[in-house]
Each structure stands twice: as structure tokens, then as C-alpha cells.
Amino acid sequence: MTVIKTFAWFFIAVAFGVAAFEIISSIEKGEYQIMALGEVWYQADKASLNTAQAIIQRYLFAWLWDPIIIFLLTLPAWAVLTVIGLLLFYFHRRSNKRRKFLC
């Protein structure tokens, strides 16, 4: 198993974990409450979220944080993580096809 495939499985597993936690907490509270990606990241590690914001705004593009990254951070965490995992699977599959064809 390659590193890319391992990361893809990791993102899928975390997405299922977040979805399960969302369902369990919704049952306990009696109402459905979406866990945004930013909320999950903030609960996991506040410092890395703040560091990512500082790096993106200072060293990359300031406009990238406000409309684009903020939008991604407000989406449901399980959906974003699932899409990232599926994209990793897709690009890994495409790179394997190219390698087999070229070799």
C-alpha cells in the first residue's frame, strides 16, 4: 500500500468517525447540529489552525483565506474529509495507470 492510499484511507476513516460523532451527539441533544471542518480542526488543535491562517495570509495570498478557506471551514467536516479521501484515491489510480503505461 502506498503512502497516498494510506492517507486516503485515513481521511475516509476520520470522515466516518466525525459523521458517527455527529449522529451520536445529535441523538443526545435531540436536534441535528452540523460539525463544521473549522470546528473540528479548532477542537483538535487550536494552534495549528491559527498558524495555518497566519501562513496563508502573510506568505501566500491574503485573499485566499477570507473567501475560499473560510468557506471550506464552514462546510460539514465529514463531507470535506470524504471528498479529500476520494480525490486522493482518484489521483492515485490515475498515476498508477500512467506508470504502468510508461513502463
PDB file of N, CA and C in Angstrom:
ATOM      1  N   MET A   1       0.851  -1.179   0.000  1.00  0.00           N
ATOM      2  CA  MET A   1       0.000   0.000   0.000  1.00  0.00           C
ATOM      3  C   MET A   1       0.894   1.238   0.000  1.00  0.00           C
ATOM      4  N   THR A   2       0.581   2.169  -0.846  1.00  0.00           N
ATOM      5  CA  THR A   2       1.402   3.354  -0.951  1.00  0.00           C
ATOM      6  C   THR A   2       1.006   4.398   0.088  1.00  0.00           C
ATOM      7  N   VAL A   3       1.814   5.415   0.180  1.00  0.00           N
ATOM      8  CA  VAL A   3       1.566   6.483   1.142  1.00  0.00           C
ATOM      9  C   VAL A   3       0.284   7.234   0.793  1.00  0.00           C
ATOM     10  N   ILE A   4       0.069   7.483  -0.488  1.00  0.00           N
ATOM     11  CA  ILE A   4      -1.124   8.212  -0.906  1.00  0.00           C
ATOM     12  C   ILE A   4      -2.391   7.433  -0.566  1.00  0.00           C
ATOM     13  N   LYS A   5      -2.358   6.128  -0.803  1.00  0.00           N
ATOM     14  CA  LYS A   5      -3.511   5.291  -0.476  1.00  0.00           C
ATOM     15  C   LYS A   5      -3.752   5.253   1.038  1.00  0.00           C
ATOM     16  N   THR A   6      -2.681   5.239   1.806  1.00  0.00           N
ATOM     17  CA  THR A   6      -2.805   5.251   3.266  1.00  0.00           C
ATOM     18  C   THR A   6      -3.460   6.545   3.739  1.00  0.00           C
ATOM     19  N   PHE A   7      -3.021   7.670   3.181  1.00  0.00           N
ATOM     20  CA  PHE A   7      -3.646   8.947   3.538  1.00  0.00           C
ATOM     21  C   PHE A   7      -5.108   8.979   3.111  1.00  0.00           C
ATOM     22  N   ALA A   8      -5.421   8.422   1.964  1.00  0.00           N
ATOM     23  CA  ALA A   8      -6.801   8.387   1.502  1.00  0.00           C
ATOM     24  C   ALA A   8      -7.677   7.599   2.475  1.00  0.00           C
ATOM     25  N   TRP A   9      -7.210   6.427   2.890  1.00  0.00           N
ATOM     26  CA  TRP A   9      -7.959   5.631   3.872  1.00  0.00           C
ATOM     27  C   TRP A   9      -8.074   6.371   5.197  1.00  0.00           C
ATOM     28  N   PHE A  10      -7.025   7.095   5.585  1.00  0.00           N
ATOM     29  CA  PHE A  10      -7.058   7.865   6.832  1.00  0.00           C
ATOM     30  C   PHE A  10      -8.147   8.927   6.778  1.00  0.00           C
ATOM     31  N   PHE A  11      -8.204   9.683   5.677  1.00  0.00           N
ATOM     32  CA  PHE A  11      -9.230  10.722   5.553  1.00  0.00           C
ATOM     33  C   PHE A  11     -10.631  10.128   5.550  1.00  0.00           C
ATOM     34  N   ILE A  12     -10.826   8.997   4.882  1.00  0.00           N
ATOM     35  CA  ILE A  12     -12.131   8.336   4.867  1.00  0.00           C
ATOM     36  C   ILE A  12     -12.512   7.862   6.268  1.00  0.00           C
ATOM     37  N   ALA A  13     -11.558   7.277   6.984  1.00  0.00           N
ATOM     38  CA  ALA A  13     -11.832   6.790   8.342  1.00  0.00           C
ATOM     39  C   ALA A  13     -12.183   7.940   9.285  1.00  0.00           C
ATOM     40  N   VAL A  14     -11.452   9.032   9.190  1.00  0.00           N
ATOM     41  CA  VAL A  14     -11.749  10.193  10.041  1.00  0.00           C
ATOM     42  C   VAL A  14     -13.112  10.774   9.672  1.00  0.00           C
ATOM     43  N   ALA A  15     -13.438  10.776   8.393  1.00  0.00           N
ATOM     44  CA  ALA A  15     -14.754  11.271   7.968  1.00  0.00           C
ATOM     45  C   ALA A  15     -15.876  10.427   8.576  1.00  0.00           C
ATOM     46  N   PHE A  16     -15.712   9.101   8.559  1.00  0.00           N
ATOM     47  CA  PHE A  16     -16.721   8.241   9.190  1.00  0.00           C
ATOM     48  C   PHE A  16     -16.778   8.464  10.694  1.00  0.00           C
ATOM     49  N   GLY A  17     -15.656   8.685  11.313  1.00  0.00           N
ATOM     50  CA  GLY A  17     -15.628   8.966  12.751  1.00  0.00           C
ATOM     51  C   GLY A  17     -16.348  10.257  13.089  1.00  0.00           C
ATOM     52  N   VAL A  18     -16.105  11.288  12.315  1.00  0.00           N
ATOM     53  CA  VAL A  18     -16.777  12.571  12.542  1.00  0.00           C
ATOM     54  C   VAL A  18     -18.271  12.431  12.300  1.00  0.00           C
ATOM     55  N   ALA A  19     -18.659  11.709  11.253  1.00  0.00           N
ATOM     56  CA  ALA A  19     -20.086  11.503  10.978  1.00  0.00           C
ATOM     57  C   ALA A  19     -20.755  10.737  12.115  1.00  0.00           C
ATOM     58  N   ALA A  20     -20.079   9.714  12.624  1.00  0.00           N
ATOM     59  CA  ALA A  20     -20.637   8.947  13.747  1.00  0.00           C
ATOM     60  C   ALA A  20     -20.778   9.824  14.981  1.00  0.00           C
ATOM     61  N   PHE A  21     -19.763  10.641  15.252  1.00  0.00           N
ATOM     62  CA  PHE A  21     -19.834  11.547  16.404  1.00  0.00           C
ATOM     63  C   PHE A  21     -20.965  12.551  16.234  1.00  0.00           C
ATOM     64  N   GLU A  22     -21.150  13.034  15.008  1.00  0.00           N
ATOM     65  CA  GLU A  22     -22.232  13.973  14.715  1.00  0.00           C
ATOM     66  C   GLU A  22     -23.597  13.329  14.959  1.00  0.00           C
ATOM     67  N   ILE A  23     -23.751  12.086  14.527  1.00  0.00           N
ATOM     68  CA  ILE A  23     -25.022  11.375  14.711  1.00  0.00           C
ATOM     69  C   ILE A  23     -25.294  11.118  16.188  1.00  0.00           C
ATOM     70  N   ILE A  24     -24.279  10.660  16.914  1.00  0.00           N
ATOM     71  CA  ILE A  24     -24.450  10.370  18.342  1.00  0.00           C
ATOM     72  C   ILE A  24     -24.788  11.635  19.123  1.00  0.00           C
ATOM     73  N   SER A  25     -24.075  12.727  18.840  1.00  0.00           N
ATOM     74  CA  SER A  25     -24.367  13.969  19.563  1.00  0.00           C
ATOM     75  C   SER A  25     -25.732  14.532  19.174  1.00  0.00           C
ATOM     76  N   SER A  26     -26.167  14.293  17.943  1.00  0.00           N
ATOM     77  CA  SER A  26     -27.497  14.739  17.533  1.00  0.00           C
ATOM     78  C   SER A  26     -28.591  13.965  18.262  1.00  0.00           C
ATOM     79  N   ILE A  27     -28.364  12.668  18.456  1.00  0.00           N
ATOM     80  CA  ILE A  27     -29.339  11.861  19.192  1.00  0.00           C
ATOM     81  C   ILE A  27     -29.412  12.304  20.647  1.00  0.00           C
ATOM     82  N   GLU A  28     -28.263  12.581  21.234  1.00  0.00           N
ATOM     83  CA  GLU A  28     -28.238  13.016  22.635  1.00  0.00           C
ATOM     84  C   GLU A  28     -28.912  14.368  22.824  1.00  0.00           C
ATOM     85  N   LYS A  29     -28.675  15.305  21.902  1.00  0.00           N
ATOM     86  CA  LYS A  29     -29.228  16.655  22.034  1.00  0.00           C
ATOM     87  C   LYS A  29     -30.655  16.755  21.522  1.00  0.00           C
ATOM     88  N   GLY A  30     -31.060  15.806  20.692  1.00  0.00           N
ATOM     89  CA  GLY A  30     -32.406  15.832  20.154  1.00  0.00           C
ATOM     90  C   GLY A  30     -32.561  16.703  18.925  1.00  0.00           C
ATOM     91  N   GLU A  31     -31.479  17.263  18.429  1.00  0.00           N
ATOM     92  CA  GLU A  31     -31.512  18.075  17.211  1.00  0.00           C
ATOM     93  C   GLU A  31     -30.224  17.860  16.431  1.00  0.00           C
ATOM     94  N   TYR A  32     -30.348  17.985  15.113  1.00  0.00           N
ATOM     95  CA  TYR A  32     -29.179  17.777  14.272  1.00  0.00           C
ATOM     96  C   TYR A  32     -28.332  19.039  14.237  1.00  0.00           C
ATOM     97  N   GLN A  33     -27.067  18.879  14.533  1.00  0.00           N
ATOM     98  CA  GLN A  33     -26.157  20.011  14.515  1.00  0.00           C
ATOM     99  C   GLN A  33     -24.915  19.627  13.712  1.00  0.00           C
ATOM    100  N   ILE A  34     -24.649  20.368  12.650  1.00  0.00           N
ATOM    101  CA  ILE A  34     -23.521  20.069  11.779  1.00  0.00           C
ATOM    102  C   ILE A  34     -22.219  20.465  12.462  1.00  0.00           C
ATOM    103  N   MET A  35     -21.241  19.574  12.363  1.00  0.00           N
ATOM    104  CA  MET A  35     -19.897  19.898  12.852  1.00  0.00           C
ATOM    105  C   MET A  35     -19.087  20.385  11.659  1.00  0.00           C
ATOM    106  N   ALA A  36     -18.775  21.662  11.657  1.00  0.00           N
ATOM    107  CA  ALA A  36     -18.020  22.250  10.556  1.00  0.00           C
ATOM    108  C   ALA A  36     -16.561  21.809  10.640  1.00  0.00           C
ATOM    109  N   LEU A  37     -15.896  21.825   9.504  1.00  0.00           N
ATOM    110  CA  LEU A  37     -14.492  21.449   9.453  1.00  0.00           C
ATOM    111  C   LEU A  37     -13.646  22.337  10.351  1.00  0.00           C
ATOM    112  N   GLY A  38     -13.931  23.625  10.355  1.00  0.00           N
ATOM    113  CA  GLY A  38     -13.188  24.551  11.208  1.00  0.00           C
ATOM    114  C   GLY A  38     -13.370  24.246  12.685  1.00  0.00           C
ATOM    115  N   GLU A  39     -14.569  23.853  13.069  1.00  0.00           N
ATOM    116  CA  GLU A  39     -14.843  23.500  14.463  1.00  0.00           C
ATOM    117  C   GLU A  39     -14.067  22.252  14.877  1.00  0.00           C
ATOM    118  N   VAL A  40     -14.049  21.259  14.009  1.00  0.00           N
ATOM    119  CA  VAL A  40     -13.317  20.020  14.303  1.00  0.00           C
ATOM    120  C   VAL A  40     -11.822  20.303  14.400  1.00  0.00           C
ATOM    121  N   TRP A  41     -11.314  21.103  13.458  1.00  0.00           N
ATOM    122  CA  TRP A  41      -9.892  21.444  13.470  1.00  0.00           C
ATOM    123  C   TRP A  41      -9.545  22.248  14.719  1.00  0.00           C
ATOM    124  N   TYR A  42     -10.420  23.189  15.106  1.00  0.00           N
ATOM    125  CA  TYR A  42     -10.186  24.010  16.294  1.00  0.00           C
ATOM    126  C   TYR A  42     -10.159  23.145  17.555  1.00  0.00           C
ATOM    127  N   GLN A  43     -11.066  22.182  17.641  1.00  0.00           N
ATOM    128  CA  GLN A  43     -11.096  21.304  18.813  1.00  0.00           C
ATOM    129  C   GLN A  43      -9.888  20.380  18.847  1.00  0.00           C
ATOM    130  N   ALA A  44      -9.405  19.981  17.688  1.00  0.00           N
ATOM    131  CA  ALA A  44      -8.260  19.077  17.631  1.00  0.00           C
ATOM    132  C   ALA A  44      -6.964  19.800  17.972  1.00  0.00           C
ATOM    133  N   ASP A  45      -6.753  20.986  17.386  1.00  0.00           N
ATOM    134  CA  ASP A  45      -5.503  21.718  17.628  1.00  0.00           C
ATOM    135  C   ASP A  45      -5.690  23.178  17.248  1.00  0.00           C
ATOM    136  N   LYS A  46      -5.911  24.020  18.267  1.00  0.00           N
ATOM    137  CA  LYS A  46      -6.140  25.444  18.028  1.00  0.00           C
ATOM    138  C   LYS A  46      -4.931  26.118  17.403  1.00  0.00           C
ATOM    139  N   ALA A  47      -3.764  25.769  17.885  1.00  0.00           N
ATOM    140  CA  ALA A  47      -2.542  26.439  17.442  1.00  0.00           C
ATOM    141  C   ALA A  47      -2.273  26.217  15.957  1.00  0.00           C
ATOM    142  N   SER A  48      -2.518  25.015  15.459  1.00  0.00           N
ATOM    143  CA  SER A  48      -2.239  24.759  14.046  1.00  0.00           C
ATOM    144  C   SER A  48      -3.213  25.500  13.137  1.00  0.00           C
ATOM    145  N   LEU A  49      -4.449  25.680  13.579  1.00  0.00           N
ATOM    146  CA  LEU A  49      -5.410  26.453  12.795  1.00  0.00           C
ATOM    147  C   LEU A  49      -4.965  27.904  12.713  1.00  0.00           C
ATOM    148  N   ASN A  50      -4.546  28.467  13.835  1.00  0.00           N
ATOM    149  CA  ASN A  50      -4.059  29.844  13.845  1.00  0.00           C
ATOM    150  C   ASN A  50      -2.776  29.991  13.030  1.00  0.00           C
ATOM    151  N   THR A  51      -1.908  29.005  13.104  1.00  0.00           N
ATOM    152  CA  THR A  51      -0.670  29.040  12.333  1.00  0.00           C
ATOM    153  C   THR A  51      -0.966  28.952  10.835  1.00  0.00           C
ATOM    154  N   ALA A  52      -1.895  28.088  10.451  1.00  0.00           N
ATOM    155  CA  ALA A  52      -2.265  27.970   9.048  1.00  0.00           C
ATOM    156  C   ALA A  52      -2.825  29.287   8.522  1.00  0.00           C
ATOM    157  N   GLN A  53      -3.649  29.936   9.324  1.00  0.00           N
ATOM    158  CA  GLN A  53      -4.204  31.224   8.912  1.00  0.00           C
ATOM    159  C   GLN A  53      -3.090  32.249   8.730  1.00  0.00           C
ATOM    160  N   ALA A  54      -2.176  32.321   9.667  1.00  0.00           N
ATOM    161  CA  ALA A  54      -1.087  33.294   9.579  1.00  0.00           C
ATOM    162  C   ALA A  54      -0.205  33.035   8.357  1.00  0.00           C
ATOM    163  N   ILE A  55       0.113  31.780   8.112  1.00  0.00           N
ATOM    164  CA  ILE A  55       0.976  31.447   6.964  1.00  0.00           C
ATOM    165  C   ILE A  55       0.286  31.780   5.650  1.00  0.00           C
ATOM    166  N   ILE A  56      -0.979  31.420   5.533  1.00  0.00           N
ATOM    167  CA  ILE A  56      -1.703  31.667   4.287  1.00  0.00           C
ATOM    168  C   ILE A  56      -1.867  33.162   4.041  1.00  0.00           C
ATOM    169  N   GLN A  57      -2.203  33.916   5.089  1.00  0.00           N
ATOM    170  CA  GLN A  57      -2.431  35.345   4.899  1.00  0.00           C
ATOM    171  C   GLN A  57      -1.134  36.127   4.687  1.00  0.00           C
ATOM    172  N   ARG A  58      -0.068  35.738   5.366  1.00  0.00           N
ATOM    173  CA  ARG A  58       1.174  36.507   5.263  1.00  0.00           C
ATOM    174  C   ARG A  58       2.047  36.096   4.097  1.00  0.00           C
ATOM    175  N   TYR A  59       2.193  34.799   3.884  1.00  0.00           N
ATOM    176  CA  TYR A  59       3.185  34.323   2.936  1.00  0.00           C
ATOM    177  C   TYR A  59       2.623  33.839   1.612  1.00  0.00           C
ATOM    178  N   LEU A  60       1.361  33.494   1.569  1.00  0.00           N
ATOM    179  CA  LEU A  60       0.776  33.049   0.297  1.00  0.00           C
ATOM    180  C   LEU A  60      -0.055  34.183  -0.289  1.00  0.00           C
ATOM    181  N   PHE A  61      -1.348  34.102  -0.154  1.00  0.00           N
ATOM    182  CA  PHE A  61      -2.231  35.141  -0.677  1.00  0.00           C
ATOM    183  C   PHE A  61      -3.254  35.484   0.396  1.00  0.00           C
ATOM    184  N   ALA A  62      -3.357  36.753   0.734  1.00  0.00           N
ATOM    185  CA  ALA A  62      -4.302  37.179   1.771  1.00  0.00           C
ATOM    186  C   ALA A  62      -5.744  36.907   1.347  1.00  0.00           C
ATOM    187  N   TRP A  63      -6.034  37.056   0.050  1.00  0.00           N
ATOM    188  CA  TRP A  63      -7.396  36.857  -0.432  1.00  0.00           C
ATOM    189  C   TRP A  63      -7.801  35.382  -0.390  1.00  0.00           C
ATOM    190  N   LEU A  64      -6.827  34.487  -0.294  1.00  0.00           N
ATOM    191  CA  LEU A  64      -7.139  33.062  -0.280  1.00  0.00           C
ATOM    192  C   LEU A  64      -7.847  32.648   1.012  1.00  0.00           C
ATOM    193  N   TRP A  65      -7.488  33.275   2.129  1.00  0.00           N
ATOM    194  CA  TRP A  65      -8.065  32.872   3.416  1.00  0.00           C
ATOM    195  C   TRP A  65      -9.528  33.266   3.522  1.00  0.00           C
ATOM    196  N   ASP A  66      -9.817  34.560   3.276  1.00  0.00           N
ATOM    197  CA  ASP A  66     -11.158  35.050   3.588  1.00  0.00           C
ATOM    198  C   ASP A  66     -12.256  34.419   2.756  1.00  0.00           C
ATOM    199  N   PRO A  67     -12.289  34.470   1.467  1.00  0.00           N
ATOM    200  CA  PRO A  67     -13.456  33.850   0.833  1.00  0.00           C
ATOM    201  C   PRO A  67     -13.354  32.339   0.666  1.00  0.00           C
ATOM    202  N   ILE A  68     -12.174  31.806   0.368  1.00  0.00           N
ATOM    203  CA  ILE A  68     -12.077  30.403  -0.030  1.00  0.00           C
ATOM    204  C   ILE A  68     -11.909  29.476   1.172  1.00  0.00           C
ATOM    205  N   ILE A  69     -10.884  29.692   1.970  1.00  0.00           N
ATOM    206  CA  ILE A  69     -10.610  28.802   3.105  1.00  0.00           C
ATOM    207  C   ILE A  69     -11.718  28.897   4.152  1.00  0.00           C
ATOM    208  N   ILE A  70     -12.198  30.093   4.405  1.00  0.00           N
ATOM    209  CA  ILE A  70     -13.292  30.252   5.379  1.00  0.00           C
ATOM    210  C   ILE A  70     -14.525  29.479   4.914  1.00  0.00           C
ATOM    211  N   PHE A  71     -14.809  29.522   3.605  1.00  0.00           N
ATOM    212  CA  PHE A  71     -15.944  28.764   3.074  1.00  0.00           C
ATOM    213  C   PHE A  71     -15.744  27.268   3.309  1.00  0.00           C
ATOM    214  N   LEU A  72     -14.537  26.764   3.047  1.00  0.00           N
ATOM    215  CA  LEU A  72     -14.260  25.342   3.260  1.00  0.00           C
ATOM    216  C   LEU A  72     -14.364  24.961   4.736  1.00  0.00           C
ATOM    217  N   LEU A  73     -13.952  25.864   5.615  1.00  0.00           N
ATOM    218  CA  LEU A  73     -14.008  25.577   7.049  1.00  0.00           C
ATOM    219  C   LEU A  73     -15.433  25.578   7.591  1.00  0.00           C
ATOM    220  N   THR A  74     -16.378  26.161   6.879  1.00  0.00           N
ATOM    221  CA  THR A  74     -17.768  26.162   7.340  1.00  0.00           C
ATOM    222  C   THR A  74     -18.563  24.969   6.812  1.00  0.00           C
ATOM    223  N   LEU A  75     -17.994  24.217   5.883  1.00  0.00           N
ATOM    224  CA  LEU A  75     -18.670  23.032   5.355  1.00  0.00           C
ATOM    225  C   LEU A  75     -18.634  21.894   6.384  1.00  0.00           C
ATOM    226  N   PRO A  76     -19.541  20.921   6.264  1.00  0.00           N
ATOM    227  CA  PRO A  76     -19.514  19.769   7.174  1.00  0.00           C
ATOM    228  C   PRO A  76     -18.183  19.022   7.066  1.00  0.00           C
ATOM    229  N   ALA A  77     -17.626  18.701   8.210  1.00  0.00           N
ATOM    230  CA  ALA A  77     -16.302  18.073   8.245  1.00  0.00           C
ATOM    231  C   ALA A  77     -16.298  16.725   7.538  1.00  0.00           C
ATOM    232  N   TRP A  78     -17.341  15.927   7.746  1.00  0.00           N
ATOM    233  CA  TRP A  78     -17.353  14.597   7.136  1.00  0.00           C
ATOM    234  C   TRP A  78     -17.380  14.688   5.613  1.00  0.00           C
ATOM    235  N   ALA A  79     -18.049  15.700   5.074  1.00  0.00           N
ATOM    236  CA  ALA A  79     -18.133  15.838   3.617  1.00  0.00           C
ATOM    237  C   ALA A  79     -16.782  16.243   3.023  1.00  0.00           C
ATOM    238  N   VAL A  80     -16.129  17.200   3.642  1.00  0.00           N
ATOM    239  CA  VAL A  80     -14.838  17.673   3.134  1.00  0.00           C
ATOM    240  C   VAL A  80     -13.794  16.561   3.223  1.00  0.00           C
ATOM    241  N   LEU A  81     -13.761  15.857   4.344  1.00  0.00           N
ATOM    242  CA  LEU A  81     -12.780  14.785   4.519  1.00  0.00           C
ATOM    243  C   LEU A  81     -13.032  13.631   3.548  1.00  0.00           C
ATOM    244  N   THR A  82     -14.297  13.337   3.291  1.00  0.00           N
ATOM    245  CA  THR A  82     -14.619  12.286   2.331  1.00  0.00           C
ATOM    246  C   THR A  82     -14.179  12.679   0.927  1.00  0.00           C
ATOM    247  N   VAL A  83     -14.420  13.914   0.544  1.00  0.00           N
ATOM    248  CA  VAL A  83     -14.012  14.383  -0.788  1.00  0.00           C
ATOM    249  C   VAL A  83     -12.489  14.339  -0.926  1.00  0.00           C
ATOM    250  N   ILE A  84     -11.771  14.756   0.102  1.00  0.00           N
ATOM    251  CA  ILE A  84     -10.308  14.706   0.052  1.00  0.00           C
ATOM    252  C   ILE A  84      -9.835  13.262  -0.106  1.00  0.00           C
ATOM    253  N   GLY A  85     -10.410  12.351   0.664  1.00  0.00           N
ATOM    254  CA  GLY A  85     -10.035  10.941   0.558  1.00  0.00           C
ATOM    255  C   GLY A  85     -10.327  10.366  -0.815  1.00  0.00           C
ATOM    256  N   LEU A  86     -11.498  10.672  -1.359  1.00  0.00           N
ATOM    257  CA  LEU A  86     -11.851  10.167  -2.687  1.00  0.00           C
ATOM    258  C   LEU A  86     -10.969  10.758  -3.782  1.00  0.00           C
ATOM    259  N   LEU A  87     -10.627  12.036  -3.648  1.00  0.00           N
ATOM    260  CA  LEU A  87      -9.711  12.651  -4.617  1.00  0.00           C
ATOM    261  C   LEU A  87      -8.331  11.999  -4.567  1.00  0.00           C
ATOM    262  N   LEU A  88      -7.862  11.685  -3.366  1.00  0.00           N
ATOM    263  CA  LEU A  88      -6.573  11.004  -3.251  1.00  0.00           C
ATOM    264  C   LEU A  88      -6.625   9.632  -3.911  1.00  0.00           C
ATOM    265  N   PHE A  89      -7.712   8.892  -3.714  1.00  0.00           N
ATOM    266  CA  PHE A  89      -7.872   7.602  -4.388  1.00  0.00           C
ATOM    267  C   PHE A  89      -7.876   7.778  -5.905  1.00  0.00           C
ATOM    268  N   TYR A  90      -8.594   8.782  -6.377  1.00  0.00           N
ATOM    269  CA  TYR A  90      -8.715   9.005  -7.811  1.00  0.00           C
ATOM    270  C   TYR A  90      -7.363   9.351  -8.434  1.00  0.00           C
ATOM    271  N   PHE A  91      -6.643  10.289  -7.832  1.00  0.00           N
ATOM    272  CA  PHE A  91      -5.358  10.685  -8.404  1.00  0.00           C
ATOM    273  C   PHE A  91      -4.314   9.585  -8.270  1.00  0.00           C
ATOM    274  N   HIS A  92      -4.413   8.781  -7.230  1.00  0.00           N
ATOM    275  CA  HIS A  92      -3.503   7.644  -7.088  1.00  0.00           C
ATOM    276  C   HIS A  92      -3.770   6.631  -8.194  1.00  0.00           C
ATOM    277  N   ARG A  93      -5.023   6.397  -8.484  1.00  0.00           N
ATOM    278  CA  ARG A  93      -5.392   5.460  -9.540  1.00  0.00           C
ATOM    279  C   ARG A  93      -4.905   5.955 -10.896  1.00  0.00           C
ATOM    280  N   ARG A  94      -5.060   7.238 -11.144  1.00  0.00           N
ATOM    281  CA  ARG A  94      -4.613   7.805 -12.419  1.00  0.00           C
ATOM    282  C   ARG A  94      -3.098   7.734 -12.549  1.00  0.00           C
ATOM    283  N   SER A  95      -2.364   7.996 -11.472  1.00  0.00           N
ATOM    284  CA  SER A  95      -0.902   7.949 -11.553  1.00  0.00           C
ATOM    285  C   SER A  95      -0.416   6.514 -11.742  1.00  0.00           C
ATOM    286  N   ASN A  96      -1.116   5.544 -11.166  1.00  0.00           N
ATOM    287  CA  ASN A  96      -0.747   4.135 -11.377  1.00  0.00           C
ATOM    288  C   ASN A  96      -0.956   3.726 -12.827  1.00  0.00           C
ATOM    289  N   LYS A  97      -2.031   4.181 -13.447  1.00  0.00           N
ATOM    290  CA  LYS A  97      -2.278   3.849 -14.846  1.00  0.00           C
ATOM    291  C   LYS A  97      -1.178   4.424 -15.734  1.00  0.00           C
ATOM    292  N   ARG A  98      -0.759   5.647 -15.441  1.00  0.00           N
ATOM    293  CA  ARG A  98       0.294   6.256 -16.244  1.00  0.00           C
ATOM    294  C   ARG A  98       1.604   5.510 -16.074  1.00  0.00           C
ATOM    295  N   ARG A  99       1.912   5.121 -14.842  1.00  0.00           N
ATOM    296  CA  ARG A  99       3.161   4.408 -14.596  1.00  0.00           C
ATOM    297  C   ARG A  99       3.192   3.073 -15.324  1.00  0.00           C
ATOM    298  N   LYS A 100       2.080   2.346 -15.280  1.00  0.00           N
ATOM    299  CA  LYS A 100       2.038   1.046 -15.953  1.00  0.00           C
ATOM    300  C   LYS A 100       2.146   1.204 -17.474  1.00  0.00           C
ATOM    301  N   PHE A 101       1.573   2.278 -17.982  1.00  0.00           N
ATOM    302  CA  PHE A 101       1.609   2.503 -19.414  1.00  0.00           C
ATOM    303  C   PHE A 101       3.024   2.884 -19.868  1.00  0.00           C
ATOM    304  N   LEU A 102       3.681   3.703 -19.073  1.00  0.00           N
ATOM    305  CA  LEU A 102       5.002   4.172 -19.455  1.00  0.00           C
ATOM    306  C   LEU A 102       6.085   3.112 -19.265  1.00  0.00           C
ATOM    307  N   CYS A 103       5.902   2.224 -18.330  1.00  0.00           N
ATOM    308  CA  CYS A 103       6.939   1.229 -18.050  1.00  0.00           C
ATOM    309  C   CYS A 103       6.864   0.039 -18.968  1.00  0.00           C
TER     310      CYS A 103
END
